[in-house]
């Protein structure tokens, strides 16, 4: 098995649960959260030294739609800022999903989980970050497993099956 070449790490949405809320079992203090994020990167980079990283902050939370009220958008923002700080300290690219989704509540199901439009946004942000920071990992830069299928015809070829 080949080692991973890129690890996308998104951590913090559950950690930002309220300490005394209905999901308090998921709560992780923000400093412990940042240490956990560092540990994930440290341990995996030791196991896979050539692996690249892309860090994603937790997205915003629509407090009007999310029920139970065990997460608050302003608390999640604290975790998002800490995530960005850790990524900056480790010199890793980061996508600020909190700011990218702030106030765009049409991107979520029930106020927290991305819907189709939210997943499309996440995909587009990840794809752009890969192109910017790791151009050697863009689809056109990678070897084709089936060189007889032109990249622009993949969808058509797959739909046959």
N, C-alpha and C. Protein backbone atom coordinates (compact mmCIF):
# COMPACT_ATOMS: atom_id res chain seq x y z
N UNK A 1 0.84 -1.17 0.00
CA UNK A 1 0.00 0.00 0.00
C UNK A 1 0.89 1.24 0.00
N UNK A 2 0.53 2.20 -0.83
CA UNK A 2 1.28 3.45 -0.90
C UNK A 2 0.88 4.36 0.26
N UNK A 3 1.84 5.14 0.78
CA UNK A 3 1.50 6.08 1.85
C UNK A 3 0.68 7.25 1.31
N UNK A 4 -0.08 7.90 2.15
CA UNK A 4 -0.87 9.05 1.68
C UNK A 4 0.04 10.19 1.24
N UNK A 5 -0.41 10.93 0.24
CA UNK A 5 0.36 12.09 -0.23
C UNK A 5 -0.23 13.40 0.29
N UNK A 6 -1.50 13.37 0.69
CA UNK A 6 -2.16 14.57 1.21
C UNK A 6 -3.16 14.15 2.29
N UNK A 7 -3.09 14.84 3.41
CA UNK A 7 -4.06 14.61 4.48
C UNK A 7 -4.83 15.90 4.70
N UNK A 8 -6.14 15.81 4.58
CA UNK A 8 -7.01 16.94 4.86
C UNK A 8 -7.57 16.72 6.26
N UNK A 9 -7.29 17.67 7.16
CA UNK A 9 -7.69 17.53 8.56
C UNK A 9 -8.71 18.61 8.89
N UNK A 10 -9.92 18.17 9.22
CA UNK A 10 -10.97 19.09 9.69
C UNK A 10 -11.37 18.62 11.08
N UNK A 11 -11.12 19.47 12.05
CA UNK A 11 -11.33 19.09 13.43
C UNK A 11 -11.85 20.29 14.20
N UNK A 12 -12.82 20.08 15.07
CA UNK A 12 -13.22 21.16 15.95
C UNK A 12 -14.70 21.41 16.09
N UNK A 13 -15.51 20.98 15.13
CA UNK A 13 -16.95 21.27 15.23
C UNK A 13 -17.57 20.59 16.45
N UNK A 14 -17.23 19.34 16.69
CA UNK A 14 -17.75 18.65 17.87
C UNK A 14 -17.03 19.10 19.14
N UNK A 15 -15.74 19.36 19.04
CA UNK A 15 -14.97 19.82 20.20
C UNK A 15 -15.55 21.10 20.78
N UNK A 16 -16.14 21.93 19.92
CA UNK A 16 -16.68 23.23 20.33
C UNK A 16 -18.07 23.12 20.96
N UNK A 17 -18.51 21.90 21.24
CA UNK A 17 -19.78 21.73 21.96
C UNK A 17 -19.67 22.44 23.31
N UNK A 18 -20.80 22.87 23.82
CA UNK A 18 -20.79 23.57 25.11
C UNK A 18 -20.45 22.61 26.25
N UNK A 19 -19.64 23.09 27.17
CA UNK A 19 -19.16 22.25 28.28
C UNK A 19 -20.31 21.67 29.09
N UNK A 20 -21.38 22.42 29.26
CA UNK A 20 -22.51 21.95 30.05
C UNK A 20 -23.77 21.78 29.20
N UNK A 21 -23.59 21.62 27.89
CA UNK A 21 -24.72 21.43 26.98
C UNK A 21 -25.11 19.97 26.88
N UNK A 22 -26.09 19.70 26.03
CA UNK A 22 -26.59 18.34 25.87
C UNK A 22 -25.58 17.41 25.21
N UNK A 23 -24.59 17.97 24.52
CA UNK A 23 -23.53 17.17 23.90
C UNK A 23 -22.20 17.39 24.62
N UNK A 24 -22.26 17.60 25.92
CA UNK A 24 -21.04 17.91 26.68
C UNK A 24 -20.00 16.80 26.59
N UNK A 25 -20.42 15.57 26.27
CA UNK A 25 -19.47 14.48 26.12
C UNK A 25 -18.49 14.76 24.98
N UNK A 26 -18.89 15.59 24.02
CA UNK A 26 -18.04 15.94 22.88
C UNK A 26 -17.13 17.14 23.17
N UNK A 27 -17.42 17.87 24.21
CA UNK A 27 -16.68 19.09 24.54
C UNK A 27 -15.21 18.79 24.82
N UNK A 28 -14.34 19.59 24.20
CA UNK A 28 -12.90 19.55 24.45
C UNK A 28 -12.46 20.99 24.66
N UNK A 29 -11.79 21.30 25.77
CA UNK A 29 -11.31 22.67 25.98
C UNK A 29 -10.43 23.11 24.81
N UNK A 30 -10.49 24.38 24.46
CA UNK A 30 -9.83 24.87 23.25
C UNK A 30 -8.32 24.62 23.26
N UNK A 31 -7.67 24.72 24.41
CA UNK A 31 -6.22 24.46 24.45
C UNK A 31 -5.93 22.98 24.22
N UNK A 32 -6.76 22.11 24.76
CA UNK A 32 -6.60 20.68 24.51
C UNK A 32 -6.88 20.37 23.04
N UNK A 33 -7.88 21.03 22.48
CA UNK A 33 -8.18 20.90 21.05
C UNK A 33 -6.95 21.23 20.21
N UNK A 34 -6.28 22.34 20.52
CA UNK A 34 -5.12 22.74 19.73
C UNK A 34 -3.98 21.73 19.89
N UNK A 35 -3.82 21.18 21.09
CA UNK A 35 -2.80 20.16 21.30
C UNK A 35 -3.15 18.88 20.55
N UNK A 36 -4.42 18.53 20.51
CA UNK A 36 -4.85 17.35 19.75
C UNK A 36 -4.57 17.53 18.26
N UNK A 37 -4.84 18.71 17.76
CA UNK A 37 -4.58 19.00 16.34
C UNK A 37 -3.09 18.88 16.05
N UNK A 38 -2.26 19.45 16.92
CA UNK A 38 -0.81 19.33 16.76
C UNK A 38 -0.37 17.86 16.81
N UNK A 39 -0.95 17.09 17.72
CA UNK A 39 -0.58 15.69 17.87
C UNK A 39 -0.95 14.88 16.63
N UNK A 40 -2.11 15.13 16.07
CA UNK A 40 -2.52 14.44 14.85
C UNK A 40 -1.50 14.69 13.74
N UNK A 41 -1.09 15.93 13.60
CA UNK A 41 -0.13 16.28 12.55
C UNK A 41 1.24 15.70 12.87
N UNK A 42 1.67 15.80 14.11
CA UNK A 42 2.99 15.28 14.50
C UNK A 42 3.06 13.76 14.29
N UNK A 43 2.08 13.04 14.78
CA UNK A 43 2.11 11.58 14.70
C UNK A 43 2.01 11.10 13.26
N UNK A 44 1.11 11.69 12.49
CA UNK A 44 0.97 11.24 11.10
C UNK A 44 2.17 11.66 10.26
N UNK A 45 2.78 12.80 10.57
CA UNK A 45 3.96 13.20 9.79
C UNK A 45 5.16 12.32 10.12
N UNK A 46 5.20 11.77 11.32
CA UNK A 46 6.26 10.81 11.65
C UNK A 46 6.04 9.50 10.88
N UNK A 47 4.80 9.10 10.77
CA UNK A 47 4.47 7.86 10.06
C UNK A 47 4.59 8.03 8.55
N UNK A 48 4.26 9.23 8.06
CA UNK A 48 4.26 9.50 6.62
C UNK A 48 5.01 10.81 6.35
N UNK A 49 6.35 10.78 6.40
CA UNK A 49 7.13 12.02 6.32
C UNK A 49 6.94 12.83 5.04
N UNK A 50 6.54 12.20 3.96
CA UNK A 50 6.39 12.95 2.71
C UNK A 50 4.96 13.44 2.50
N UNK A 51 4.07 13.17 3.44
CA UNK A 51 2.67 13.57 3.32
C UNK A 51 2.53 15.09 3.48
N UNK A 52 1.69 15.68 2.64
CA UNK A 52 1.36 17.10 2.74
C UNK A 52 0.07 17.23 3.56
N UNK A 53 -0.18 18.44 4.06
CA UNK A 53 -1.35 18.68 4.90
C UNK A 53 -2.14 19.88 4.43
N UNK A 54 -3.44 19.79 4.60
CA UNK A 54 -4.34 20.90 4.39
C UNK A 54 -5.29 20.89 5.59
N UNK A 55 -5.30 21.99 6.34
CA UNK A 55 -6.08 22.07 7.56
C UNK A 55 -7.36 22.87 7.30
N UNK A 56 -8.48 22.38 7.82
CA UNK A 56 -9.76 23.07 7.68
C UNK A 56 -10.28 23.43 9.07
N UNK A 57 -10.63 24.69 9.24
CA UNK A 57 -11.23 25.10 10.52
C UNK A 57 -12.67 24.60 10.57
N UNK A 58 -13.24 24.53 11.76
CA UNK A 58 -14.67 24.19 11.82
C UNK A 58 -15.50 25.29 11.16
N UNK A 59 -16.59 24.91 10.50
CA UNK A 59 -17.46 25.91 9.88
C UNK A 59 -18.34 26.61 10.91
N UNK A 60 -19.03 27.62 10.45
CA UNK A 60 -19.96 28.37 11.30
C UNK A 60 -21.16 27.49 11.69
N UNK A 61 -21.88 27.92 12.70
CA UNK A 61 -23.08 27.22 13.19
C UNK A 61 -24.25 28.20 13.16
N UNK A 62 -25.36 27.77 12.56
CA UNK A 62 -26.57 28.59 12.55
C UNK A 62 -27.36 28.30 13.82
N UNK A 63 -27.22 29.18 14.81
CA UNK A 63 -27.88 28.95 16.10
C UNK A 63 -29.40 29.00 16.02
N UNK A 64 -29.96 29.58 14.97
CA UNK A 64 -31.42 29.62 14.84
C UNK A 64 -31.98 28.27 14.41
N UNK A 65 -31.17 27.49 13.69
CA UNK A 65 -31.65 26.21 13.18
C UNK A 65 -31.12 25.01 13.96
N UNK A 66 -29.92 25.13 14.54
CA UNK A 66 -29.33 23.97 15.20
C UNK A 66 -30.03 23.69 16.51
N UNK A 67 -30.52 22.47 16.64
CA UNK A 67 -31.16 22.04 17.87
C UNK A 67 -30.69 20.61 18.13
N UNK A 68 -30.24 20.27 19.29
CA UNK A 68 -30.30 21.06 20.52
C UNK A 68 -29.28 22.19 20.51
N UNK A 69 -29.53 23.15 21.35
CA UNK A 69 -28.65 24.33 21.41
C UNK A 69 -27.41 24.01 22.24
N UNK A 70 -26.60 23.07 21.72
CA UNK A 70 -25.39 22.67 22.43
C UNK A 70 -24.12 23.20 21.78
N UNK A 71 -24.31 24.03 20.76
CA UNK A 71 -23.18 24.68 20.08
C UNK A 71 -23.56 26.13 19.84
N UNK A 72 -22.60 27.01 19.98
CA UNK A 72 -22.83 28.42 19.71
C UNK A 72 -21.82 28.88 18.67
N UNK A 73 -22.30 29.67 17.73
CA UNK A 73 -21.44 30.14 16.65
C UNK A 73 -20.22 30.89 17.18
N UNK A 74 -20.41 31.73 18.19
CA UNK A 74 -19.27 32.50 18.70
C UNK A 74 -18.26 31.61 19.42
N UNK A 75 -18.69 30.50 20.00
CA UNK A 75 -17.76 29.55 20.61
C UNK A 75 -17.00 28.81 19.51
N UNK A 76 -17.71 28.40 18.48
CA UNK A 76 -17.06 27.73 17.36
C UNK A 76 -16.02 28.63 16.71
N UNK A 77 -16.29 29.93 16.68
CA UNK A 77 -15.32 30.88 16.13
C UNK A 77 -14.00 30.84 16.90
N UNK A 78 -14.06 30.68 18.20
CA UNK A 78 -12.84 30.58 19.02
C UNK A 78 -12.01 29.38 18.57
N UNK A 79 -12.67 28.26 18.31
CA UNK A 79 -11.98 27.06 17.86
C UNK A 79 -11.43 27.25 16.45
N UNK A 80 -12.19 27.92 15.60
CA UNK A 80 -11.72 28.20 14.24
C UNK A 80 -10.46 29.06 14.28
N UNK A 81 -10.46 30.08 15.11
CA UNK A 81 -9.28 30.95 15.23
C UNK A 81 -8.08 30.17 15.76
N UNK A 82 -8.31 29.28 16.72
CA UNK A 82 -7.23 28.47 17.27
C UNK A 82 -6.69 27.52 16.21
N UNK A 83 -7.56 26.96 15.40
CA UNK A 83 -7.15 26.08 14.30
C UNK A 83 -6.24 26.83 13.33
N UNK A 84 -6.64 28.03 12.97
CA UNK A 84 -5.85 28.84 12.04
C UNK A 84 -4.50 29.18 12.66
N UNK A 85 -4.50 29.50 13.94
CA UNK A 85 -3.25 29.81 14.64
C UNK A 85 -2.30 28.61 14.62
N UNK A 86 -2.80 27.43 14.91
CA UNK A 86 -1.97 26.22 14.91
C UNK A 86 -1.42 25.96 13.51
N UNK A 87 -2.26 26.05 12.51
CA UNK A 87 -1.80 25.84 11.13
C UNK A 87 -0.72 26.85 10.76
N UNK A 88 -0.91 28.10 11.14
CA UNK A 88 0.09 29.13 10.86
C UNK A 88 1.41 28.82 11.57
N UNK A 89 1.32 28.43 12.83
CA UNK A 89 2.53 28.10 13.60
C UNK A 89 3.28 26.92 12.99
N UNK A 90 2.55 25.97 12.42
CA UNK A 90 3.16 24.80 11.80
C UNK A 90 3.47 25.02 10.33
N UNK A 91 3.20 26.23 9.86
CA UNK A 91 3.45 26.60 8.46
C UNK A 91 2.71 25.67 7.49
N UNK A 92 1.44 25.43 7.81
CA UNK A 92 0.60 24.59 6.97
C UNK A 92 -0.54 25.42 6.39
N UNK A 93 -0.95 25.12 5.17
CA UNK A 93 -2.09 25.85 4.60
C UNK A 93 -3.37 25.51 5.34
N UNK A 94 -4.22 26.52 5.46
CA UNK A 94 -5.46 26.35 6.20
C UNK A 94 -6.60 27.01 5.44
N UNK A 95 -7.76 26.39 5.49
CA UNK A 95 -8.97 26.98 4.93
C UNK A 95 -9.84 27.41 6.10
N UNK A 96 -10.19 28.66 6.12
CA UNK A 96 -11.02 29.22 7.19
C UNK A 96 -12.49 28.99 6.83
N UNK A 97 -12.99 27.80 7.18
CA UNK A 97 -14.38 27.47 6.87
C UNK A 97 -15.36 28.31 7.68
N UNK A 98 -14.95 28.74 8.87
CA UNK A 98 -15.86 29.54 9.69
C UNK A 98 -16.23 30.82 8.96
N UNK A 99 -15.23 31.56 8.48
CA UNK A 99 -15.52 32.81 7.76
C UNK A 99 -16.15 32.54 6.40
N UNK A 100 -15.75 31.44 5.75
CA UNK A 100 -16.31 31.11 4.43
C UNK A 100 -17.79 30.77 4.50
N UNK A 101 -18.26 30.32 5.67
CA UNK A 101 -19.66 29.91 5.80
C UNK A 101 -20.47 30.85 6.68
N UNK A 102 -19.83 31.80 7.31
CA UNK A 102 -20.52 32.71 8.23
C UNK A 102 -21.68 33.42 7.54
N UNK A 103 -22.87 33.26 8.09
CA UNK A 103 -24.06 33.92 7.55
C UNK A 103 -24.63 33.28 6.30
N UNK A 104 -24.01 32.24 5.80
CA UNK A 104 -24.49 31.55 4.59
C UNK A 104 -25.24 30.29 5.02
N UNK A 105 -26.34 30.51 5.71
CA UNK A 105 -27.04 29.40 6.36
C UNK A 105 -27.72 28.47 5.37
N UNK A 106 -27.85 28.89 4.13
CA UNK A 106 -28.42 28.01 3.10
C UNK A 106 -27.47 26.86 2.75
N UNK A 107 -26.24 26.88 3.29
CA UNK A 107 -25.26 25.83 3.01
C UNK A 107 -25.36 24.65 3.97
N UNK A 108 -26.29 24.73 4.93
CA UNK A 108 -26.35 23.73 5.99
C UNK A 108 -27.71 23.05 6.10
N UNK A 109 -27.66 21.80 6.53
CA UNK A 109 -28.85 21.05 6.94
C UNK A 109 -28.97 21.22 8.44
N UNK A 110 -30.04 21.72 8.92
CA UNK A 110 -30.24 21.82 10.35
C UNK A 110 -29.30 22.76 11.07
N UNK A 111 -28.58 23.58 10.34
CA UNK A 111 -27.75 24.59 10.96
C UNK A 111 -26.31 24.21 11.21
N UNK A 112 -25.95 22.92 10.99
CA UNK A 112 -24.59 22.49 11.32
C UNK A 112 -23.92 21.69 10.21
N UNK A 113 -24.60 20.71 9.67
CA UNK A 113 -23.99 19.82 8.69
C UNK A 113 -24.18 20.37 7.27
N UNK A 114 -23.12 20.36 6.46
CA UNK A 114 -23.26 20.91 5.11
C UNK A 114 -24.24 20.09 4.27
N UNK A 115 -25.02 20.81 3.48
CA UNK A 115 -25.91 20.16 2.52
C UNK A 115 -25.16 20.07 1.18
N UNK A 116 -25.87 19.81 0.11
CA UNK A 116 -25.20 19.68 -1.19
C UNK A 116 -24.44 20.95 -1.54
N UNK A 117 -25.06 22.11 -1.38
CA UNK A 117 -24.38 23.38 -1.70
C UNK A 117 -23.18 23.60 -0.79
N UNK A 118 -23.31 23.24 0.48
CA UNK A 118 -22.20 23.37 1.42
C UNK A 118 -21.04 22.47 1.03
N UNK A 119 -21.35 21.24 0.65
CA UNK A 119 -20.29 20.32 0.23
C UNK A 119 -19.63 20.78 -1.06
N UNK A 120 -20.40 21.38 -1.95
CA UNK A 120 -19.80 21.94 -3.17
C UNK A 120 -18.83 23.06 -2.81
N UNK A 121 -19.24 23.94 -1.89
CA UNK A 121 -18.33 25.00 -1.45
C UNK A 121 -17.06 24.42 -0.84
N UNK A 122 -17.20 23.44 0.06
CA UNK A 122 -16.03 22.83 0.69
C UNK A 122 -15.12 22.24 -0.39
N UNK A 123 -15.71 21.52 -1.34
CA UNK A 123 -14.95 20.93 -2.44
C UNK A 123 -14.18 22.00 -3.21
N UNK A 124 -14.87 23.08 -3.56
CA UNK A 124 -14.23 24.14 -4.34
C UNK A 124 -13.09 24.79 -3.56
N UNK A 125 -13.28 25.01 -2.27
CA UNK A 125 -12.23 25.61 -1.44
C UNK A 125 -11.03 24.67 -1.31
N UNK A 126 -11.30 23.39 -1.13
CA UNK A 126 -10.21 22.41 -1.03
C UNK A 126 -9.47 22.31 -2.35
N UNK A 127 -10.21 22.25 -3.44
CA UNK A 127 -9.59 22.15 -4.76
C UNK A 127 -8.71 23.37 -5.03
N UNK A 128 -9.18 24.56 -4.69
CA UNK A 128 -8.40 25.78 -4.91
C UNK A 128 -7.16 25.80 -4.03
N UNK A 129 -7.28 25.33 -2.79
CA UNK A 129 -6.12 25.30 -1.89
C UNK A 129 -5.08 24.30 -2.38
N UNK A 130 -5.52 23.17 -2.88
CA UNK A 130 -4.57 22.20 -3.43
C UNK A 130 -3.85 22.80 -4.63
N UNK A 131 -4.59 23.44 -5.51
CA UNK A 131 -3.98 24.06 -6.69
C UNK A 131 -2.96 25.13 -6.28
N UNK A 132 -3.26 25.88 -5.25
CA UNK A 132 -2.37 26.96 -4.80
C UNK A 132 -1.13 26.43 -4.07
N UNK A 133 -1.34 25.50 -3.14
CA UNK A 133 -0.24 25.07 -2.27
C UNK A 133 0.45 23.79 -2.73
N UNK A 134 -0.27 22.95 -3.45
CA UNK A 134 0.27 21.66 -3.89
C UNK A 134 -0.09 21.39 -5.35
N UNK A 135 0.36 22.23 -6.26
CA UNK A 135 -0.04 22.06 -7.66
C UNK A 135 0.35 20.69 -8.24
N UNK A 136 1.35 20.06 -7.64
CA UNK A 136 1.75 18.73 -8.11
C UNK A 136 0.73 17.65 -7.74
N UNK A 137 -0.29 18.03 -6.96
CA UNK A 137 -1.33 17.08 -6.57
C UNK A 137 -2.68 17.36 -7.22
N UNK A 138 -2.71 18.29 -8.16
CA UNK A 138 -3.97 18.55 -8.87
C UNK A 138 -4.25 17.38 -9.82
N UNK A 139 -5.50 17.15 -10.15
CA UNK A 139 -5.83 16.00 -11.01
C UNK A 139 -5.04 15.95 -12.31
N UNK A 140 -4.83 17.08 -12.94
CA UNK A 140 -4.10 17.08 -14.21
C UNK A 140 -2.62 16.77 -14.03
N UNK A 141 -2.08 16.95 -12.83
CA UNK A 141 -0.67 16.68 -12.58
C UNK A 141 -0.42 15.22 -12.19
N UNK A 142 -1.46 14.52 -11.81
CA UNK A 142 -1.30 13.13 -11.36
C UNK A 142 -1.36 12.17 -12.54
N UNK A 143 -0.69 11.04 -12.42
CA UNK A 143 -0.75 10.05 -13.51
C UNK A 143 -2.17 9.49 -13.63
N UNK A 144 -2.56 9.22 -14.84
CA UNK A 144 -3.89 8.67 -15.08
C UNK A 144 -3.84 7.15 -14.95
N UNK A 145 -4.79 6.60 -14.23
CA UNK A 145 -4.86 5.15 -14.12
C UNK A 145 -5.34 4.52 -15.42
N UNK A 146 -6.18 5.25 -16.13
CA UNK A 146 -6.72 4.77 -17.40
C UNK A 146 -6.45 5.81 -18.47
N UNK A 147 -5.24 5.81 -19.02
CA UNK A 147 -4.88 6.86 -19.98
C UNK A 147 -5.71 6.86 -21.25
N UNK A 148 -6.44 5.77 -21.52
CA UNK A 148 -7.27 5.73 -22.72
C UNK A 148 -8.59 6.50 -22.52
N UNK A 149 -8.87 6.93 -21.28
CA UNK A 149 -10.08 7.72 -21.01
C UNK A 149 -9.65 9.17 -20.82
N UNK A 150 -10.02 10.05 -21.75
CA UNK A 150 -9.64 11.46 -21.59
C UNK A 150 -10.26 12.05 -20.33
N UNK A 151 -9.53 12.92 -19.61
CA UNK A 151 -10.04 13.49 -18.35
C UNK A 151 -11.41 14.15 -18.49
N UNK A 152 -11.70 14.74 -19.63
CA UNK A 152 -12.99 15.42 -19.79
C UNK A 152 -14.12 14.45 -20.13
N UNK A 153 -13.81 13.16 -20.27
CA UNK A 153 -14.84 12.17 -20.60
C UNK A 153 -15.06 11.18 -19.46
N UNK A 154 -14.46 11.40 -18.31
CA UNK A 154 -14.58 10.46 -17.20
C UNK A 154 -16.04 10.27 -16.79
N UNK A 155 -16.77 11.36 -16.64
CA UNK A 155 -18.17 11.26 -16.21
C UNK A 155 -18.98 10.41 -17.19
N UNK A 156 -18.76 10.63 -18.48
CA UNK A 156 -19.47 9.87 -19.51
C UNK A 156 -19.09 8.39 -19.44
N UNK A 157 -17.81 8.11 -19.27
CA UNK A 157 -17.35 6.72 -19.20
C UNK A 157 -17.92 6.01 -17.98
N UNK A 158 -17.95 6.68 -16.84
CA UNK A 158 -18.46 6.07 -15.61
C UNK A 158 -19.95 5.83 -15.71
N UNK A 159 -20.69 6.72 -16.37
CA UNK A 159 -22.14 6.59 -16.45
C UNK A 159 -22.56 5.36 -17.26
N UNK A 160 -21.66 4.81 -18.05
CA UNK A 160 -21.96 3.61 -18.82
C UNK A 160 -22.23 2.44 -17.89
N UNK A 161 -21.55 2.44 -16.77
CA UNK A 161 -21.68 1.33 -15.82
C UNK A 161 -22.80 1.60 -14.88
